[in-house]
Protein backbone atom coordinates (compact mmCIF):
# COMPACT_ATOMS: atom_id res chain seq x y z
CA MET A 1 -6.51 9.70 -19.83
CA THR A 2 -9.03 10.40 -17.12
CA ASP A 3 -7.38 13.72 -16.28
CA ARG A 4 -7.22 14.64 -19.95
CA MET A 5 -10.89 13.89 -20.43
CA GLN A 6 -11.79 15.87 -17.34
CA ASP A 7 -9.76 18.81 -18.58
CA ALA A 8 -11.45 18.61 -21.95
CA ARG A 9 -14.88 18.48 -20.36
CA MET A 10 -14.12 21.49 -18.22
CA ALA A 11 -12.92 23.37 -21.27
CA GLY A 12 -16.15 22.56 -23.07
CA SER A 13 -18.49 23.21 -20.15
CA GLY A 14 -21.45 25.42 -20.89
CA THR A 15 -21.43 24.47 -24.57
CA ARG A 16 -23.94 21.63 -24.52
CA VAL A 17 -26.56 22.12 -27.21
CA SER A 18 -30.11 22.31 -25.87
CA LEU A 19 -32.71 19.84 -27.04
CA GLY A 20 -34.72 22.71 -28.48
CA LEU A 21 -31.84 23.80 -30.69
CA ILE A 22 -31.26 20.27 -31.86
CA LEU A 23 -34.88 19.86 -32.88
CA ALA A 24 -35.00 23.28 -34.49
CA LEU A 25 -32.06 22.49 -36.69
CA GLY A 26 -33.41 19.07 -37.68
CA LEU A 27 -30.29 17.38 -36.47
CA LEU A 28 -31.28 13.72 -36.42
CA GLY A 29 -29.45 11.87 -39.17
CA ALA A 30 -30.41 8.59 -40.77
CA CYS A 31 -27.90 6.51 -38.84
CA GLY A 32 -30.07 3.63 -37.66
CA ALA A 33 -32.55 3.20 -34.87
CA THR A 34 -29.93 2.86 -32.16
CA SER A 35 -28.05 6.04 -33.05
CA ASN A 36 -28.87 9.63 -32.20
CA ARG A 37 -26.11 10.89 -34.44
CA LEU A 38 -26.58 14.39 -35.80
CA ALA A 39 -26.59 14.89 -39.54
CA PRO A 40 -23.30 16.25 -40.99
CA ALA A 41 -25.06 19.22 -42.58
CA ALA A 42 -26.57 20.24 -39.25
CA LEU A 43 -23.19 20.03 -37.54
CA GLU A 44 -21.97 22.87 -39.74
CA GLU A 45 -24.27 25.15 -37.74
CA LEU A 46 -22.53 24.27 -34.47
CA SER A 47 -19.30 25.53 -32.96
CA ALA A 48 -16.33 23.24 -32.45
CA ALA A 49 -16.99 23.27 -28.70
CA GLN A 50 -20.60 22.21 -29.25
CA ILE A 51 -19.60 19.34 -31.52
CA TYR A 52 -16.98 18.29 -29.00
CA ASP A 53 -19.67 18.27 -26.34
CA GLN A 54 -21.80 15.97 -28.50
CA GLY A 55 -18.87 13.58 -28.62
CA GLU A 56 -18.57 13.67 -24.85
CA THR A 57 -22.29 13.06 -24.49
CA SER A 58 -22.09 10.05 -26.78
CA LEU A 59 -19.18 8.65 -24.76
CA ASP A 60 -21.12 9.12 -21.55
CA GLY A 61 -24.05 7.30 -23.13
CA GLY A 62 -21.88 4.35 -24.16
CA ASN A 63 -21.96 5.09 -27.89
CA ALA A 64 -18.29 5.13 -28.80
CA GLU A 65 -18.95 4.96 -32.54
CA ASP A 66 -20.99 8.17 -32.55
CA ALA A 67 -18.45 9.82 -30.24
CA ALA A 68 -15.65 9.04 -32.69
CA PHE A 69 -17.75 10.47 -35.52
CA TYR A 70 -18.30 13.76 -33.68
CA PHE A 71 -14.66 14.15 -32.70
CA GLY A 72 -13.70 13.51 -36.33
CA GLU A 73 -16.16 16.11 -37.56
CA ILE A 74 -14.37 18.77 -35.53
CA GLU A 75 -11.22 18.13 -37.53
CA ARG A 76 -13.21 18.34 -40.78
CA LEU A 77 -15.06 21.54 -39.93
CA TYR A 78 -12.43 23.31 -37.82
CA PRO A 79 -9.05 22.08 -39.09
CA TYR A 80 -5.87 23.24 -37.35
CA SER A 81 -7.84 24.54 -34.37
CA GLU A 82 -7.16 23.68 -30.74
CA TRP A 83 -10.51 21.89 -30.72
CA ALA A 84 -9.46 19.81 -33.72
CA LYS A 85 -6.36 18.71 -31.83
CA ARG A 86 -8.43 17.75 -28.79
CA GLY A 87 -10.95 16.03 -31.00
CA LEU A 88 -8.29 13.93 -32.70
CA ILE A 89 -6.92 12.42 -29.49
CA MET A 90 -10.45 11.87 -28.23
CA GLN A 91 -11.36 10.20 -31.50
CA ALA A 92 -8.50 7.76 -30.96
CA PHE A 93 -9.78 7.15 -27.43
CA ALA A 94 -13.38 6.66 -28.57
CA HIS A 95 -12.38 4.22 -31.30
CA HIS A 96 -10.37 2.23 -28.77
CA LYS A 97 -13.23 2.21 -26.31
CA GLY A 98 -15.46 0.87 -29.09
CA ARG A 99 -12.83 -1.77 -29.93
CA ALA A 100 -12.33 -0.30 -33.39
CA TYR A 101 -8.60 -0.89 -32.99
CA ASP A 102 -7.49 -0.19 -36.56
CA GLU A 103 -9.30 3.16 -36.51
CA SER A 104 -7.93 3.99 -33.06
CA ARG A 105 -4.44 3.25 -34.27
CA ALA A 106 -4.91 5.44 -37.34
CA SER A 107 -6.17 8.39 -35.27
CA ALA A 108 -3.39 8.03 -32.71
CA GLN A 109 -0.75 7.87 -35.43
CA ARG A 110 -2.20 10.94 -37.13
CA TYR A 111 -2.03 12.79 -33.83
CA LEU A 112 1.64 11.84 -33.48
CA ASP A 113 2.31 12.97 -37.03
CA PHE A 114 0.62 16.34 -36.53
CA TYR A 115 1.49 17.09 -32.90
CA PRO A 116 4.67 15.14 -32.00
CA ALA A 117 5.69 17.60 -29.28
CA ASP A 118 2.26 18.06 -27.72
CA GLN A 119 1.59 17.12 -24.10
CA ASP A 120 -0.81 14.38 -25.24
CA ALA A 121 1.70 12.80 -27.62
CA ALA A 122 2.68 10.29 -24.93
CA TYR A 123 -0.92 9.25 -24.55
CA ALA A 124 -1.34 8.97 -28.32
CA GLN A 125 1.65 6.62 -28.45
CA TYR A 126 0.23 4.67 -25.51
CA LEU A 127 -3.16 4.36 -27.25
CA LEU A 128 -1.39 3.16 -30.38
CA ALA A 129 0.35 0.48 -28.32
CA LEU A 130 -2.90 -0.49 -26.62
CA SER A 131 -4.55 -0.94 -30.01
CA TYR A 132 -2.12 -3.84 -30.54
CA TYR A 133 -1.90 -5.03 -26.95
CA ASP A 134 -5.66 -5.39 -26.48
CA GLN A 135 -5.81 -7.58 -29.58
CA ILE A 136 -3.29 -10.12 -28.37
CA ASP A 137 -4.96 -13.44 -28.96
CA ASP A 138 -4.76 -16.71 -27.09
CA ILE A 139 -1.32 -18.27 -26.95
CA GLY A 140 -2.31 -20.79 -29.61
CA ARG A 141 -2.72 -18.16 -32.31
CA ASP A 142 -0.34 -16.09 -34.39
CA GLN A 143 1.68 -13.68 -32.30
CA GLY A 144 2.35 -10.95 -34.86
CA LEU A 145 0.26 -8.47 -32.89
CA THR A 146 2.29 -9.27 -29.78
CA PHE A 147 5.48 -8.24 -31.55
CA GLN A 148 3.83 -5.02 -32.72
CA ALA A 149 2.56 -4.34 -29.20
CA LEU A 150 6.07 -4.80 -27.83
CA GLN A 151 7.53 -2.36 -30.35
CA SER A 152 4.88 0.27 -29.62
CA LEU A 153 5.12 -0.16 -25.85
CA ARG A 154 8.89 0.19 -26.08
CA ALA A 155 8.36 3.49 -27.91
CA VAL A 156 6.30 4.78 -24.96
CA ILE A 157 8.98 3.70 -22.50
CA GLU A 158 11.92 5.09 -24.44
CA GLN A 159 10.41 8.25 -25.95
CA TYR A 160 8.29 9.31 -22.97
CA PRO A 161 10.10 7.92 -19.91
CA ASP A 162 8.84 10.69 -17.61
CA SER A 163 5.22 10.42 -18.67
CA SER A 164 2.51 8.91 -16.51
CA TYR A 165 2.10 6.16 -19.12
CA ALA A 166 5.66 4.81 -19.00
CA ALA A 167 5.14 2.67 -15.89
CA GLU A 168 1.96 1.11 -17.28
CA ALA A 169 3.71 0.53 -20.60
CA LYS A 170 6.54 -1.31 -18.79
CA LEU A 171 4.06 -3.56 -17.05
CA LYS A 172 2.26 -4.39 -20.28
CA PHE A 173 5.59 -4.88 -22.06
CA ASP A 174 6.57 -7.53 -19.50
CA LEU A 175 3.21 -9.25 -19.86
CA ALA A 176 3.43 -9.26 -23.66
CA PHE A 177 7.02 -10.53 -23.47
CA ASP A 178 5.85 -13.34 -21.20
CA HIS A 179 3.09 -14.06 -23.68
CA LEU A 180 5.62 -14.65 -26.47
CA ALA A 181 7.60 -17.00 -24.24
CA GLY A 182 4.38 -18.87 -23.55
CA LYS A 183 3.92 -19.34 -27.29
CA GLU A 184 7.37 -20.93 -27.59
CA MET A 185 6.62 -23.17 -24.61
CA GLU A 186 3.33 -24.33 -26.09
CA ILE A 187 4.97 -25.32 -29.37
CA GLY A 188 7.83 -26.99 -27.52
CA ARG A 189 5.43 -29.05 -25.41
CA TYR A 190 3.57 -30.06 -28.56
CA TYR A 191 6.76 -31.43 -30.10
CA LEU A 192 7.86 -33.05 -26.86
CA LYS A 193 4.61 -35.00 -26.42
CA ARG A 194 4.93 -36.34 -29.96
CA GLY A 195 8.52 -37.43 -29.58
CA HIS A 196 10.05 -34.70 -31.74
CA TYR A 197 12.74 -34.03 -29.17
CA ALA A 198 15.16 -31.99 -31.28
CA ALA A 199 12.38 -29.63 -32.42
CA ALA A 200 11.16 -29.35 -28.84
CA ALA A 201 14.63 -28.56 -27.54
CA ARG A 202 15.01 -25.76 -30.08
CA ARG A 203 11.86 -24.07 -28.78
CA PHE A 204 12.87 -24.41 -25.13
CA ARG A 205 16.33 -23.08 -25.96
CA VAL A 206 14.73 -19.92 -27.40
CA VAL A 207 12.97 -19.34 -24.07
CA VAL A 208 16.17 -19.80 -22.06
CA GLU A 209 18.26 -17.60 -24.32
CA GLU A 210 15.81 -14.87 -25.33
CA PHE A 211 13.11 -14.87 -22.65
CA GLN A 212 15.08 -15.63 -19.51
CA THR A 213 13.37 -12.88 -17.52
CA THR A 214 9.91 -14.40 -17.98
CA THR A 215 8.00 -16.82 -15.79
CA HIS A 216 8.64 -19.69 -18.21
CA THR A 217 12.40 -20.11 -17.80
CA ALA A 218 12.32 -22.72 -15.04
CA GLU A 219 9.95 -24.97 -16.95
CA ALA A 220 11.95 -24.46 -20.15
CA LEU A 221 15.08 -25.73 -18.39
CA HIS A 222 13.23 -28.77 -17.07
CA ARG A 223 11.84 -29.50 -20.52
CA LEU A 224 15.38 -29.29 -21.86
CA VAL A 225 16.39 -31.93 -19.33
CA GLU A 226 13.59 -34.16 -20.63
CA SER A 227 14.37 -33.47 -24.29
CA TYR A 228 18.12 -33.92 -24.05
CA LEU A 229 17.84 -37.13 -22.03
CA SER A 230 15.51 -38.49 -24.72
CA LEU A 231 18.09 -37.52 -27.36
CA GLY A 232 20.92 -39.08 -25.40
CA LEU A 233 22.61 -35.72 -24.85
CA VAL A 234 23.52 -36.32 -21.23
CA ASP A 235 25.92 -33.37 -20.81
CA GLU A 236 23.28 -30.90 -21.95
CA ALA A 237 20.65 -32.48 -19.70
CA GLN A 238 22.92 -32.36 -16.66
CA THR A 239 23.86 -28.75 -17.31
CA ALA A 240 20.23 -27.68 -17.71
CA GLY A 241 19.58 -29.33 -14.36
CA ALA A 242 22.55 -27.52 -12.82
CA ILE A 243 21.17 -24.14 -13.95
CA LEU A 244 17.81 -25.06 -12.47
CA GLY A 245 19.50 -25.92 -9.20
CA TYR A 246 21.46 -22.70 -9.14
CA ASN A 247 18.63 -20.32 -9.94
CA TYR A 248 15.33 -22.13 -9.34
CA ARG A 249 16.00 -24.60 -6.56
CA GLY A 250 12.71 -23.85 -4.80
CA THR A 251 10.54 -24.75 -7.80
CA ASP A 252 8.71 -27.96 -8.67
CA TRP A 253 10.56 -27.94 -11.98
CA TYR A 254 13.85 -28.36 -10.13
CA GLU A 255 12.41 -31.20 -8.08
CA ASP A 256 11.21 -32.96 -11.22
CA SER A 257 14.56 -32.58 -12.96
CA TYR A 258 16.39 -33.72 -9.83
CA LYS A 259 14.35 -36.93 -9.70
CA LEU A 260 14.72 -37.50 -13.43
CA LEU A 261 18.50 -37.09 -13.45
CA THR A 262 19.40 -38.77 -10.19
CA GLY A 263 17.06 -41.61 -11.07
CA ARG A 264 19.47 -42.35 -13.91
CA GLY A 265 22.52 -41.97 -11.74
CA LEU A 266 23.35 -38.52 -13.11
CA GLU A 267 24.34 -35.35 -11.30
CA LEU A 268 22.92 -31.87 -11.73
CA ALA A 269 26.26 -30.38 -12.75
CA ALA A 270 27.71 -28.49 -15.69
CA ALA A 271 29.26 -30.90 -18.14
CA GLY A 272 30.84 -30.74 -21.56
CA ASP A 273 31.25 -27.74 -23.83
CA ASN A 274 27.84 -26.71 -25.11
CA TRP A 275 25.57 -23.67 -25.15
CA LEU A 276 24.16 -24.46 -21.72
CA ALA A 277 27.62 -24.90 -20.25
CA ALA A 278 28.51 -21.42 -21.51
CA ILE A 279 25.41 -20.03 -19.82
CA TYR A 280 26.27 -21.83 -16.61
CA ARG A 281 29.78 -20.36 -16.60
CA GLN A 282 28.33 -16.90 -17.04
CA LEU A 283 25.78 -17.57 -14.35
CA VAL A 284 28.23 -18.59 -11.65
CA ARG A 285 30.23 -15.45 -12.45
CA GLY A 286 27.06 -13.42 -11.93
CA GLU A 287 26.85 -12.28 -15.54
CA TRP A 288 23.58 -13.97 -16.49
CA ILE A 289 20.10 -13.34 -15.07
C-alpha cells in the first residue's frame, strides 16, 4: 500500500488548502476538542483533490478517524469520479489503521463491488482479509474470525496470485491455520489433564488429519500416544509413535513417546487396522505429508 499511497499523494500534490482559506471558509466543525475535522458544509466548497489532501494530512497527523471521514466525503460529493475511487480504498485503509475493522471491511467490500477489475482490487481484498486477521484473538477464545480470515486470505491467493499481496497472504494464511490447530491442541490438553481421554484423542486426531502441515503435528501424535495408552488402545498408541519416529524423530515429542512406549515393553510400530495405521501406510509410500 505504500506505493499506492505515494502515488495518490503525488497525484494530489499542490492541492493542499492553505490555512487562510480554511479560516475564511469557517471550516472547523464541532467534532470535539481533539479533532480538526472540517464541517461537511464547508467541504462542499473544496475540490475532490483538496478533500483528498485533507484526508492525507489527517493520516500523517495520526488521526485515522478524520482521514476516513474525508475520504468518505469525496465519494459523497464527487460520486463516480476517479477521486471517489481513490478515496474509497483510502477510506478502507484509514479505518483499518484506526482499528475500525468493521468499517474497513465494509469500505473494502464496497470497493470490490464497484471496481472488481481495478488495479487496487487485490489490495482491497487483502485489506478485507486483514480486517479479520488482525482481530484474531488469543487461542483460548472463539476462532470464528480465524476461519473468516482464512477464507479471505485464500481469496487473495487464488484470485490475485500475481499481485504483490499474494505472498504476504500466504504467510498469514499459514499463521492463521497454525492458530486453529493451536486451538484444537489447547482443548485436547484440557481434556487430557482431566482424564477425558476419548475427548482428548478426538481433538488431537483433528490436528493430525486436518492440520498436518502445522507446527503442532508432532505434539498431537505424542498426545495421541498418551491418550490411547490411557484408553488401553495399544495398537493406536504404537502406530502414533511409529509415525512420530518416521517423520519427527529429531523432536522431544518423539523422545517422550519412545520412553513412554518402550517403558511398557511396546514398540513404535504400525499395528492393527485403524485410522493411524492407514496414515502410516500412506506415509511409507510417500503419499502423506
